[in-house]
Amino acid sequence: MNERRWWNGSWARLTRRDVFVRNAADGRWQVELRRGGPEGRVRTRAFGSEREAVEWIEATVVGAEPSWREIVAVRPKVKRNSRRGAVKAVPSPGGRVA
């Protein structure tokens, strides 16, 4: 599922607003407007494409207040081998190390 998210920058329950855009299973795009955090009131609206949904959000929701920002998902860090350039010997099908 593809998802984008915007937040108005407020941590307070009474003033917090979140907006999500999700790709629904039927190919449509759903905009979820959330007021008051995770336990707050939720409203949804459907669009035919992601572009339509994002344009609507930017024109009607995000454009109204300068404090809105898009939240970018952070990928977890990949644990890397401490020895750079180390090559692991892998046995070949004949039992010899290649």
C-alpha atoms as a PDB file:
ATOM      1  CA  MET A   1       0.000   0.000   0.000  1.00  0.00           C
ATOM      2  CA  ASN A   2       1.376   3.404  -0.976  1.00  0.00           C
ATOM      3  CA  GLU A   3       0.958   6.136   1.613  1.00  0.00           C
ATOM      4  CA  ARG A   4       1.846   9.794   2.073  1.00  0.00           C
ATOM      5  CA  ARG A   5       1.283  11.853   5.217  1.00  0.00           C
ATOM      6  CA  TRP A   6       1.063  15.493   6.263  1.00  0.00           C
ATOM      7  CA  TRP A   7       0.984  16.936   9.794  1.00  0.00           C
ATOM      8  CA  ASN A   8       0.186  20.438  11.077  1.00  0.00           C
ATOM      9  CA  GLY A   9       3.086  20.363  13.576  1.00  0.00           C
ATOM     10  CA  SER A  10       0.953  20.389  16.718  1.00  0.00           C
ATOM     11  CA  TRP A  11       1.350  17.763  19.455  1.00  0.00           C
ATOM     12  CA  ALA A  12      -1.675  18.964  21.453  1.00  0.00           C
ATOM     13  CA  ARG A  13      -4.719  16.714  21.130  1.00  0.00           C
ATOM     14  CA  LEU A  14      -7.151  19.582  20.547  1.00  0.00           C
ATOM     15  CA  THR A  15      -5.165  21.188  17.737  1.00  0.00           C
ATOM     16  CA  ARG A  16      -3.389  18.235  16.103  1.00  0.00           C
ATOM     17  CA  ARG A  17      -4.312  17.456  12.488  1.00  0.00           C
ATOM     18  CA  ASP A  18      -3.022  14.654  10.249  1.00  0.00           C
ATOM     19  CA  VAL A  19      -3.764  13.934   6.596  1.00  0.00           C
ATOM     20  CA  PHE A  20      -3.036  10.603   4.912  1.00  0.00           C
ATOM     21  CA  VAL A  21      -3.243   9.582   1.250  1.00  0.00           C
ATOM     22  CA  ARG A  22      -3.499   5.845   0.660  1.00  0.00           C
ATOM     23  CA  ASN A  23      -3.870   3.655  -2.381  1.00  0.00           C
ATOM     24  CA  ALA A  24      -6.976   1.541  -1.810  1.00  0.00           C
ATOM     25  CA  ALA A  25      -7.284  -2.057  -2.984  1.00  0.00           C
ATOM     26  CA  ASP A  26      -9.771  -1.097  -5.719  1.00  0.00           C
ATOM     27  CA  GLY A  27      -7.278   1.264  -7.401  1.00  0.00           C
ATOM     28  CA  ARG A  28      -8.785   4.455  -6.002  1.00  0.00           C
ATOM     29  CA  TRP A  29      -6.963   6.837  -3.660  1.00  0.00           C
ATOM     30  CA  GLN A  30      -8.327   7.612  -0.225  1.00  0.00           C
ATOM     31  CA  VAL A  31      -7.653  10.810   1.725  1.00  0.00           C
ATOM     32  CA  GLU A  32      -8.033  10.457   5.480  1.00  0.00           C
ATOM     33  CA  LEU A  33      -8.376  13.658   7.503  1.00  0.00           C
ATOM     34  CA  ARG A  34      -7.694  13.037  11.179  1.00  0.00           C
ATOM     35  CA  ARG A  35      -8.405  15.603  13.903  1.00  0.00           C
ATOM     36  CA  GLY A  36      -7.149  15.145  17.467  1.00  0.00           C
ATOM     37  CA  GLY A  37      -4.490  12.453  17.045  1.00  0.00           C
ATOM     38  CA  PRO A  38      -4.928   8.663  16.815  1.00  0.00           C
ATOM     39  CA  GLU A  39      -8.112   8.617  18.913  1.00  0.00           C
ATOM     40  CA  GLY A  40      -9.576  11.684  17.188  1.00  0.00           C
ATOM     41  CA  ARG A  41     -12.298  12.142  14.602  1.00  0.00           C
ATOM     42  CA  VAL A  42     -11.650  10.752  11.110  1.00  0.00           C
ATOM     43  CA  ARG A  43     -13.161  11.757   7.778  1.00  0.00           C
ATOM     44  CA  THR A  44     -12.367  10.169   4.428  1.00  0.00           C
ATOM     45  CA  ARG A  45     -12.709  11.163   0.806  1.00  0.00           C
ATOM     46  CA  ALA A  46     -12.025   9.086  -2.331  1.00  0.00           C
ATOM     47  CA  PHE A  47     -10.219  10.186  -5.508  1.00  0.00           C
ATOM     48  CA  GLY A  48      -9.486   8.537  -8.839  1.00  0.00           C
ATOM     49  CA  SER A  49      -5.741   9.177  -8.779  1.00  0.00           C
ATOM     50  CA  GLU A  50      -2.950  10.096  -6.383  1.00  0.00           C
ATOM     51  CA  ARG A  51      -2.401  13.349  -8.265  1.00  0.00           C
ATOM     52  CA  GLU A  52      -6.019  14.441  -7.739  1.00  0.00           C
ATOM     53  CA  ALA A  53      -5.843  13.564  -4.038  1.00  0.00           C
ATOM     54  CA  VAL A  54      -2.561  15.424  -3.448  1.00  0.00           C
ATOM     55  CA  GLU A  55      -3.730  18.483  -5.400  1.00  0.00           C
ATOM     56  CA  TRP A  56      -6.896  18.621  -3.278  1.00  0.00           C
ATOM     57  CA  ILE A  57      -4.883  18.330  -0.054  1.00  0.00           C
ATOM     58  CA  GLU A  58      -2.431  21.030  -1.087  1.00  0.00           C
ATOM     59  CA  ALA A  59      -5.202  23.403  -2.199  1.00  0.00           C
ATOM     60  CA  THR A  60      -7.672  22.958   0.656  1.00  0.00           C
ATOM     61  CA  VAL A  61      -5.789  21.640   3.687  1.00  0.00           C
ATOM     62  CA  VAL A  62      -2.056  22.312   3.551  1.00  0.00           C
ATOM     63  CA  GLY A  63      -2.310  25.665   1.770  1.00  0.00           C
ATOM     64  CA  ALA A  64      -4.493  27.123   4.541  1.00  0.00           C
ATOM     65  CA  GLU A  65      -1.742  27.079   7.216  1.00  0.00           C
ATOM     66  CA  PRO A  66       2.037  27.516   6.776  1.00  0.00           C
ATOM     67  CA  SER A  67       2.844  25.064   9.599  1.00  0.00           C
ATOM     68  CA  TRP A  68       1.821  21.979   7.569  1.00  0.00           C
ATOM     69  CA  ARG A  69       4.616  19.679   6.431  1.00  0.00           C
ATOM     70  CA  GLU A  70       4.830  16.351   4.670  1.00  0.00           C
ATOM     71  CA  ILE A  71       6.223  13.567   6.836  1.00  0.00           C
ATOM     72  CA  VAL A  72       8.731  11.444   4.957  1.00  0.00           C
ATOM     73  CA  ALA A  73       9.069   7.807   6.003  1.00  0.00           C
ATOM     74  CA  VAL A  74      12.502   6.991   7.368  1.00  0.00           C
ATOM     75  CA  ARG A  75      14.040   3.689   6.355  1.00  0.00           C
ATOM     76  CA  PRO A  76      15.739   1.684   9.093  1.00  0.00           C
ATOM     77  CA  LYS A  77      19.525   1.629   8.939  1.00  0.00           C
ATOM     78  CA  VAL A  78      21.074  -1.474   7.435  1.00  0.00           C
ATOM     79  CA  LYS A  79      23.694  -3.148   9.586  1.00  0.00           C
ATOM     80  CA  ARG A  80      26.865  -3.416   7.585  1.00  0.00           C
ATOM     81  CA  ASN A  81      29.945  -5.584   7.985  1.00  0.00           C
ATOM     82  CA  SER A  82      32.571  -3.708   9.974  1.00  0.00           C
ATOM     83  CA  ARG A  83      35.385  -4.889   7.686  1.00  0.00           C
ATOM     84  CA  ARG A  84      34.956  -3.156   4.377  1.00  0.00           C
ATOM     85  CA  GLY A  85      35.869  -5.166   1.335  1.00  0.00           C
ATOM     86  CA  ALA A  86      35.789  -8.478   3.186  1.00  0.00           C
ATOM     87  CA  VAL A  87      34.870 -11.353   0.899  1.00  0.00           C
ATOM     88  CA  LYS A  88      33.111 -14.392   2.247  1.00  0.00           C
ATOM     89  CA  ALA A  89      34.232 -17.706   0.749  1.00  0.00           C
ATOM     90  CA  VAL A  90      31.283 -19.668  -0.574  1.00  0.00           C
ATOM     91  CA  PRO A  91      31.600 -23.424  -1.223  1.00  0.00           C
ATOM     92  CA  SER A  92      30.996 -24.464  -4.814  1.00  0.00           C
ATOM     93  CA  PRO A  93      28.652 -27.388  -5.638  1.00  0.00           C
ATOM     94  CA  GLY A  94      31.691 -29.728  -5.803  1.00  0.00           C
ATOM     95  CA  GLY A  95      32.661 -28.915  -2.218  1.00  0.00           C
ATOM     96  CA  ARG A  96      35.635 -26.714  -3.076  1.00  0.00           C
ATOM     97  CA  VAL A  97      35.822 -23.129  -1.949  1.00  0.00           C
ATOM     98  CA  ALA A  98      35.524 -20.723  -4.875  1.00  0.00           C
END
